[in-house]
């Protein structure tokens, strides 16, 4: 067990749920949300998000393996991490794109929710 896992381990327990919540949902999800916003802010196409989230899911799985002795080469855990990160990335992308559309083209569109807009 690594020194980081020994230090943090007592309050994370060995069940993996807390590790998943902290590492994948909070840290990885936050990074994915910000990456989605960054792609939208630069007017990049949505398909790039799918590629970047695949890389980020690999990094999250590696940190789980290196710090908490998780399974590195598990397709199931990678797919779960990828879907969680992709969801967070899509939320970030769509929220920024909505803000861009209603701010830059305020005479054409108005916001209907944090993730949608419609014609005026």
N, C-alpha and C. Protein backbone atom coordinates (compact mmCIF):
# COMPACT_ATOMS: atom_id res chain seq x y z
N UNK A 1 0.85 -1.18 0.00
CA UNK A 1 0.00 0.00 0.00
C UNK A 1 0.89 1.24 0.00
N UNK A 2 0.58 2.21 -0.80
CA UNK A 2 1.40 3.41 -0.90
C UNK A 2 1.25 4.29 0.33
N UNK A 3 2.18 5.22 0.50
CA UNK A 3 2.14 6.09 1.69
C UNK A 3 0.93 7.01 1.67
N UNK A 4 0.52 7.45 0.49
CA UNK A 4 -0.67 8.30 0.41
C UNK A 4 -1.90 7.52 0.85
N UNK A 5 -2.01 6.29 0.40
CA UNK A 5 -3.14 5.47 0.78
C UNK A 5 -3.12 5.17 2.27
N UNK A 6 -1.93 5.00 2.86
CA UNK A 6 -1.85 4.76 4.30
C UNK A 6 -2.27 6.00 5.08
N UNK A 7 -1.92 7.17 4.54
CA UNK A 7 -2.27 8.41 5.22
C UNK A 7 -3.76 8.70 5.12
N UNK A 8 -4.30 8.56 3.93
CA UNK A 8 -5.70 8.89 3.68
C UNK A 8 -6.61 7.69 3.94
N UNK A 9 -6.06 6.51 3.89
CA UNK A 9 -6.81 5.27 3.95
C UNK A 9 -7.79 5.10 5.08
N UNK A 10 -7.44 5.47 6.34
CA UNK A 10 -8.38 5.20 7.43
C UNK A 10 -9.76 5.83 7.25
N UNK A 11 -9.85 7.00 6.68
CA UNK A 11 -11.17 7.63 6.53
C UNK A 11 -11.80 7.33 5.19
N UNK A 12 -11.06 6.67 4.29
CA UNK A 12 -11.65 6.28 3.01
C UNK A 12 -12.19 4.86 3.03
N UNK A 13 -11.70 4.04 3.91
CA UNK A 13 -12.05 2.63 4.04
C UNK A 13 -11.66 1.86 2.78
N UNK A 14 -11.82 0.54 2.84
CA UNK A 14 -11.41 -0.31 1.73
C UNK A 14 -12.56 -0.67 0.80
N UNK A 15 -13.77 -0.20 1.06
CA UNK A 15 -14.89 -0.60 0.23
C UNK A 15 -14.88 0.04 -1.15
N UNK A 16 -14.15 1.11 -1.32
CA UNK A 16 -14.01 1.73 -2.64
C UNK A 16 -15.07 2.76 -2.96
N UNK A 17 -16.17 2.77 -2.25
CA UNK A 17 -17.24 3.72 -2.56
C UNK A 17 -16.79 5.15 -2.28
N UNK A 18 -16.16 5.36 -1.14
CA UNK A 18 -15.68 6.70 -0.83
C UNK A 18 -14.59 7.14 -1.78
N UNK A 19 -13.73 6.21 -2.15
CA UNK A 19 -12.68 6.53 -3.13
C UNK A 19 -13.33 6.92 -4.45
N UNK A 20 -14.34 6.18 -4.87
CA UNK A 20 -15.04 6.49 -6.11
C UNK A 20 -15.68 7.87 -6.04
N UNK A 21 -16.34 8.16 -4.92
CA UNK A 21 -17.02 9.45 -4.79
C UNK A 21 -16.02 10.60 -4.82
N UNK A 22 -14.95 10.47 -4.06
CA UNK A 22 -13.98 11.57 -3.99
C UNK A 22 -13.15 11.67 -5.26
N UNK A 23 -12.60 10.56 -5.71
CA UNK A 23 -11.68 10.60 -6.85
C UNK A 23 -12.41 10.77 -8.18
N UNK A 24 -13.43 9.99 -8.42
CA UNK A 24 -14.09 10.02 -9.72
C UNK A 24 -15.14 11.13 -9.80
N UNK A 25 -16.03 11.17 -8.83
CA UNK A 25 -17.12 12.14 -8.91
C UNK A 25 -16.66 13.57 -8.64
N UNK A 26 -15.95 13.78 -7.53
CA UNK A 26 -15.61 15.15 -7.15
C UNK A 26 -14.41 15.68 -7.93
N UNK A 27 -13.28 14.99 -7.85
CA UNK A 27 -12.07 15.49 -8.51
C UNK A 27 -12.15 15.31 -10.03
N UNK A 28 -12.42 14.08 -10.48
CA UNK A 28 -12.52 13.83 -11.91
C UNK A 28 -13.70 14.54 -12.56
N UNK A 29 -14.85 14.53 -11.87
CA UNK A 29 -16.03 15.21 -12.41
C UNK A 29 -15.83 16.71 -12.50
N UNK A 30 -15.16 17.27 -11.51
CA UNK A 30 -14.85 18.70 -11.58
C UNK A 30 -13.93 19.04 -12.73
N UNK A 31 -12.92 18.20 -12.92
CA UNK A 31 -12.00 18.42 -14.05
C UNK A 31 -12.73 18.26 -15.38
N UNK A 32 -13.62 17.28 -15.46
CA UNK A 32 -14.37 17.06 -16.69
C UNK A 32 -15.31 18.23 -16.97
N UNK A 33 -15.98 18.73 -15.94
CA UNK A 33 -16.87 19.88 -16.10
C UNK A 33 -16.10 21.09 -16.63
N UNK A 34 -14.94 21.36 -16.04
CA UNK A 34 -14.12 22.49 -16.48
C UNK A 34 -13.56 22.27 -17.88
N UNK A 35 -13.22 21.03 -18.21
CA UNK A 35 -12.74 20.74 -19.57
C UNK A 35 -13.85 20.98 -20.59
N UNK A 36 -15.06 20.56 -20.26
CA UNK A 36 -16.20 20.81 -21.16
C UNK A 36 -16.44 22.29 -21.36
N UNK A 37 -16.38 23.05 -20.27
CA UNK A 37 -16.53 24.51 -20.37
C UNK A 37 -15.42 25.12 -21.22
N UNK A 38 -14.21 24.65 -21.03
CA UNK A 38 -13.08 25.18 -21.81
C UNK A 38 -13.21 24.90 -23.29
N UNK A 39 -13.67 23.70 -23.63
CA UNK A 39 -13.87 23.38 -25.04
C UNK A 39 -14.95 24.26 -25.65
N UNK A 40 -16.04 24.45 -24.92
CA UNK A 40 -17.12 25.29 -25.44
C UNK A 40 -16.68 26.74 -25.54
N UNK A 41 -15.92 27.22 -24.56
CA UNK A 41 -15.47 28.61 -24.57
C UNK A 41 -14.60 28.90 -25.80
N UNK A 42 -13.82 27.92 -26.22
CA UNK A 42 -12.99 28.08 -27.41
C UNK A 42 -13.70 27.73 -28.70
N UNK A 43 -15.01 27.49 -28.65
CA UNK A 43 -15.83 27.12 -29.80
C UNK A 43 -15.29 25.87 -30.49
N UNK A 44 -14.79 24.94 -29.70
CA UNK A 44 -14.32 23.66 -30.24
C UNK A 44 -15.51 22.73 -30.46
N UNK A 45 -15.38 21.78 -31.37
CA UNK A 45 -16.50 20.85 -31.62
C UNK A 45 -16.71 19.88 -30.46
N UNK A 46 -17.93 19.42 -30.32
CA UNK A 46 -18.30 18.53 -29.22
C UNK A 46 -17.56 17.20 -29.27
N UNK A 47 -17.23 16.70 -30.45
CA UNK A 47 -16.60 15.38 -30.54
C UNK A 47 -15.27 15.33 -29.82
N UNK A 48 -14.59 16.44 -29.66
CA UNK A 48 -13.32 16.43 -28.93
C UNK A 48 -13.51 16.05 -27.47
N UNK A 49 -14.65 16.38 -26.92
CA UNK A 49 -14.92 16.05 -25.53
C UNK A 49 -14.88 14.54 -25.30
N UNK A 50 -15.37 13.76 -26.24
CA UNK A 50 -15.37 12.31 -26.09
C UNK A 50 -13.94 11.77 -26.01
N UNK A 51 -13.05 12.32 -26.82
CA UNK A 51 -11.65 11.90 -26.79
C UNK A 51 -10.97 12.32 -25.49
N UNK A 52 -11.18 13.56 -25.07
CA UNK A 52 -10.53 14.05 -23.85
C UNK A 52 -11.04 13.34 -22.61
N UNK A 53 -12.30 12.98 -22.58
CA UNK A 53 -12.83 12.26 -21.42
C UNK A 53 -12.30 10.84 -21.37
N UNK A 54 -11.99 10.25 -22.53
CA UNK A 54 -11.35 8.93 -22.53
C UNK A 54 -9.97 9.01 -21.89
N UNK A 55 -9.22 10.07 -22.20
CA UNK A 55 -7.91 10.25 -21.57
C UNK A 55 -8.04 10.53 -20.08
N UNK A 56 -8.99 11.36 -19.71
CA UNK A 56 -9.19 11.69 -18.30
C UNK A 56 -9.64 10.46 -17.51
N UNK A 57 -10.47 9.63 -18.09
CA UNK A 57 -10.91 8.40 -17.41
C UNK A 57 -9.71 7.49 -17.18
N UNK A 58 -8.80 7.42 -18.13
CA UNK A 58 -7.58 6.64 -17.93
C UNK A 58 -6.74 7.19 -16.80
N UNK A 59 -6.65 8.50 -16.70
CA UNK A 59 -5.88 9.13 -15.62
C UNK A 59 -6.54 8.87 -14.26
N UNK A 60 -7.86 8.97 -14.20
CA UNK A 60 -8.56 8.70 -12.94
C UNK A 60 -8.37 7.25 -12.52
N UNK A 61 -8.46 6.33 -13.46
CA UNK A 61 -8.25 4.91 -13.15
C UNK A 61 -6.81 4.68 -12.69
N UNK A 62 -5.85 5.37 -13.31
CA UNK A 62 -4.46 5.21 -12.88
C UNK A 62 -4.27 5.71 -11.45
N UNK A 63 -4.85 6.86 -11.11
CA UNK A 63 -4.73 7.37 -9.74
C UNK A 63 -5.38 6.42 -8.75
N UNK A 64 -6.51 5.82 -9.12
CA UNK A 64 -7.14 4.85 -8.25
C UNK A 64 -6.22 3.65 -8.04
N UNK A 65 -5.56 3.21 -9.08
CA UNK A 65 -4.63 2.09 -8.99
C UNK A 65 -3.38 2.46 -8.19
N UNK A 66 -2.80 3.61 -8.49
CA UNK A 66 -1.53 3.98 -7.87
C UNK A 66 -1.68 4.38 -6.40
N UNK A 67 -2.76 5.05 -6.07
CA UNK A 67 -2.91 5.56 -4.71
C UNK A 67 -3.71 4.65 -3.78
N UNK A 68 -4.66 3.90 -4.34
CA UNK A 68 -5.57 3.13 -3.49
C UNK A 68 -5.64 1.66 -3.87
N UNK A 69 -4.67 1.16 -4.63
CA UNK A 69 -4.60 -0.24 -5.02
C UNK A 69 -5.85 -0.75 -5.72
N UNK A 70 -6.43 0.09 -6.57
CA UNK A 70 -7.58 -0.32 -7.35
C UNK A 70 -7.14 -1.16 -8.54
N UNK A 71 -8.10 -1.65 -9.29
CA UNK A 71 -7.81 -2.44 -10.49
C UNK A 71 -7.53 -1.49 -11.65
N UNK A 72 -6.37 -1.62 -12.25
CA UNK A 72 -6.00 -0.73 -13.35
C UNK A 72 -6.65 -1.14 -14.66
N UNK A 73 -6.60 -2.39 -15.01
CA UNK A 73 -7.05 -2.86 -16.33
C UNK A 73 -8.42 -3.51 -16.27
N UNK A 74 -9.37 -2.84 -15.66
CA UNK A 74 -10.74 -3.33 -15.59
C UNK A 74 -11.59 -2.51 -16.56
N UNK A 75 -12.15 -3.19 -17.54
CA UNK A 75 -12.99 -2.52 -18.53
C UNK A 75 -14.24 -1.94 -17.87
N UNK A 76 -14.80 -2.65 -16.92
CA UNK A 76 -16.00 -2.19 -16.24
C UNK A 76 -15.75 -0.88 -15.50
N UNK A 77 -14.71 -0.82 -14.69
CA UNK A 77 -14.42 0.39 -13.92
C UNK A 77 -14.04 1.56 -14.83
N UNK A 78 -13.34 1.25 -15.91
CA UNK A 78 -13.00 2.30 -16.87
C UNK A 78 -14.27 2.85 -17.53
N UNK A 79 -15.17 1.96 -17.90
CA UNK A 79 -16.42 2.40 -18.55
C UNK A 79 -17.27 3.24 -17.60
N UNK A 80 -17.33 2.85 -16.34
CA UNK A 80 -18.10 3.62 -15.36
C UNK A 80 -17.48 5.01 -15.20
N UNK A 81 -16.16 5.05 -15.04
CA UNK A 81 -15.47 6.34 -14.90
C UNK A 81 -15.67 7.20 -16.15
N UNK A 82 -15.59 6.58 -17.33
CA UNK A 82 -15.76 7.31 -18.57
C UNK A 82 -17.17 7.92 -18.66
N UNK A 83 -18.18 7.15 -18.31
CA UNK A 83 -19.55 7.65 -18.39
C UNK A 83 -19.79 8.78 -17.39
N UNK A 84 -19.26 8.65 -16.19
CA UNK A 84 -19.41 9.71 -15.19
C UNK A 84 -18.72 10.98 -15.67
N UNK A 85 -17.49 10.86 -16.15
CA UNK A 85 -16.74 12.02 -16.62
C UNK A 85 -17.36 12.63 -17.87
N UNK A 86 -17.85 11.79 -18.76
CA UNK A 86 -18.50 12.29 -19.97
C UNK A 86 -19.76 13.08 -19.63
N UNK A 87 -20.52 12.58 -18.67
CA UNK A 87 -21.72 13.31 -18.23
C UNK A 87 -21.36 14.68 -17.67
N UNK A 88 -20.36 14.73 -16.81
CA UNK A 88 -19.93 16.01 -16.24
C UNK A 88 -19.38 16.93 -17.32
N UNK A 89 -18.62 16.39 -18.27
CA UNK A 89 -18.08 17.18 -19.36
C UNK A 89 -19.18 17.74 -20.26
N UNK A 90 -20.17 16.92 -20.54
CA UNK A 90 -21.29 17.38 -21.38
C UNK A 90 -22.09 18.48 -20.67
N UNK A 91 -22.26 18.35 -19.37
CA UNK A 91 -22.95 19.40 -18.61
C UNK A 91 -22.17 20.72 -18.67
N UNK A 92 -20.87 20.64 -18.51
CA UNK A 92 -20.04 21.84 -18.60
C UNK A 92 -20.07 22.45 -19.98
N UNK A 93 -19.98 21.61 -20.99
CA UNK A 93 -19.99 22.08 -22.38
C UNK A 93 -21.31 22.78 -22.69
N UNK A 94 -22.39 22.12 -22.34
CA UNK A 94 -23.71 22.66 -22.69
C UNK A 94 -24.04 23.94 -21.91
N UNK A 95 -23.63 23.99 -20.64
CA UNK A 95 -23.91 25.21 -19.87
C UNK A 95 -23.13 26.40 -20.42
N UNK A 96 -21.88 26.18 -20.81
CA UNK A 96 -21.09 27.28 -21.38
C UNK A 96 -21.63 27.66 -22.76
N UNK A 97 -22.02 26.69 -23.57
CA UNK A 97 -22.54 27.00 -24.90
C UNK A 97 -23.84 27.79 -24.79
N UNK A 98 -24.68 27.43 -23.83
CA UNK A 98 -25.91 28.19 -23.61
C UNK A 98 -25.60 29.62 -23.22
N UNK A 99 -24.66 29.81 -22.31
CA UNK A 99 -24.26 31.16 -21.91
C UNK A 99 -23.71 31.94 -23.09
N UNK A 100 -22.91 31.31 -23.92
CA UNK A 100 -22.35 31.98 -25.10
C UNK A 100 -23.46 32.41 -26.06
N UNK A 101 -24.38 31.53 -26.33
CA UNK A 101 -25.41 31.82 -27.31
C UNK A 101 -26.32 32.96 -26.85
N UNK A 102 -26.72 32.94 -25.58
CA UNK A 102 -27.64 33.98 -25.12
C UNK A 102 -26.93 35.29 -24.81
N UNK A 103 -25.62 35.26 -24.64
CA UNK A 103 -24.86 36.49 -24.38
C UNK A 103 -24.41 37.14 -25.68
N UNK A 104 -23.83 36.36 -26.57
CA UNK A 104 -23.28 36.92 -27.80
C UNK A 104 -24.35 37.17 -28.86
N UNK A 105 -25.42 36.43 -28.81
CA UNK A 105 -26.50 36.60 -29.78
C UNK A 105 -27.81 36.88 -29.05
N UNK A 106 -27.78 37.86 -28.16
CA UNK A 106 -28.93 38.14 -27.31
C UNK A 106 -30.16 38.59 -28.10
N UNK A 107 -29.98 39.10 -29.30
CA UNK A 107 -31.13 39.51 -30.11
C UNK A 107 -31.79 38.32 -30.81
N UNK A 108 -31.10 37.17 -30.85
CA UNK A 108 -31.65 35.99 -31.50
C UNK A 108 -32.20 34.95 -30.53
N UNK A 109 -31.53 34.81 -29.37
CA UNK A 109 -31.86 33.71 -28.46
C UNK A 109 -32.11 34.20 -27.06
N UNK A 110 -32.94 33.44 -26.34
CA UNK A 110 -33.10 33.70 -24.91
C UNK A 110 -33.01 32.37 -24.17
N UNK A 111 -32.50 32.45 -22.95
CA UNK A 111 -32.26 31.26 -22.13
C UNK A 111 -33.59 30.71 -21.63
N UNK A 112 -33.76 29.39 -21.73
CA UNK A 112 -34.96 28.75 -21.20
C UNK A 112 -34.63 27.91 -19.96
N UNK A 113 -33.37 27.51 -19.81
CA UNK A 113 -32.90 26.79 -18.63
C UNK A 113 -31.38 26.92 -18.63
N UNK A 114 -30.71 26.42 -17.62
CA UNK A 114 -29.24 26.52 -17.63
C UNK A 114 -28.58 25.79 -18.79
N UNK A 115 -29.30 24.86 -19.43
CA UNK A 115 -28.70 24.08 -20.51
C UNK A 115 -29.35 24.28 -21.87
N UNK A 116 -30.36 25.14 -21.97
CA UNK A 116 -31.06 25.30 -23.25
C UNK A 116 -31.36 26.76 -23.54
N UNK A 117 -31.61 27.03 -24.82
CA UNK A 117 -32.02 28.34 -25.26
C UNK A 117 -33.04 28.16 -26.39
N UNK A 118 -33.75 29.23 -26.71
CA UNK A 118 -34.71 29.15 -27.82
C UNK A 118 -34.69 30.47 -28.58
N UNK A 119 -35.28 30.45 -29.76
CA UNK A 119 -35.37 31.66 -30.57
C UNK A 119 -36.27 32.68 -29.89
N UNK A 120 -35.98 33.95 -30.11
CA UNK A 120 -36.83 35.01 -29.56
C UNK A 120 -38.07 35.18 -30.40
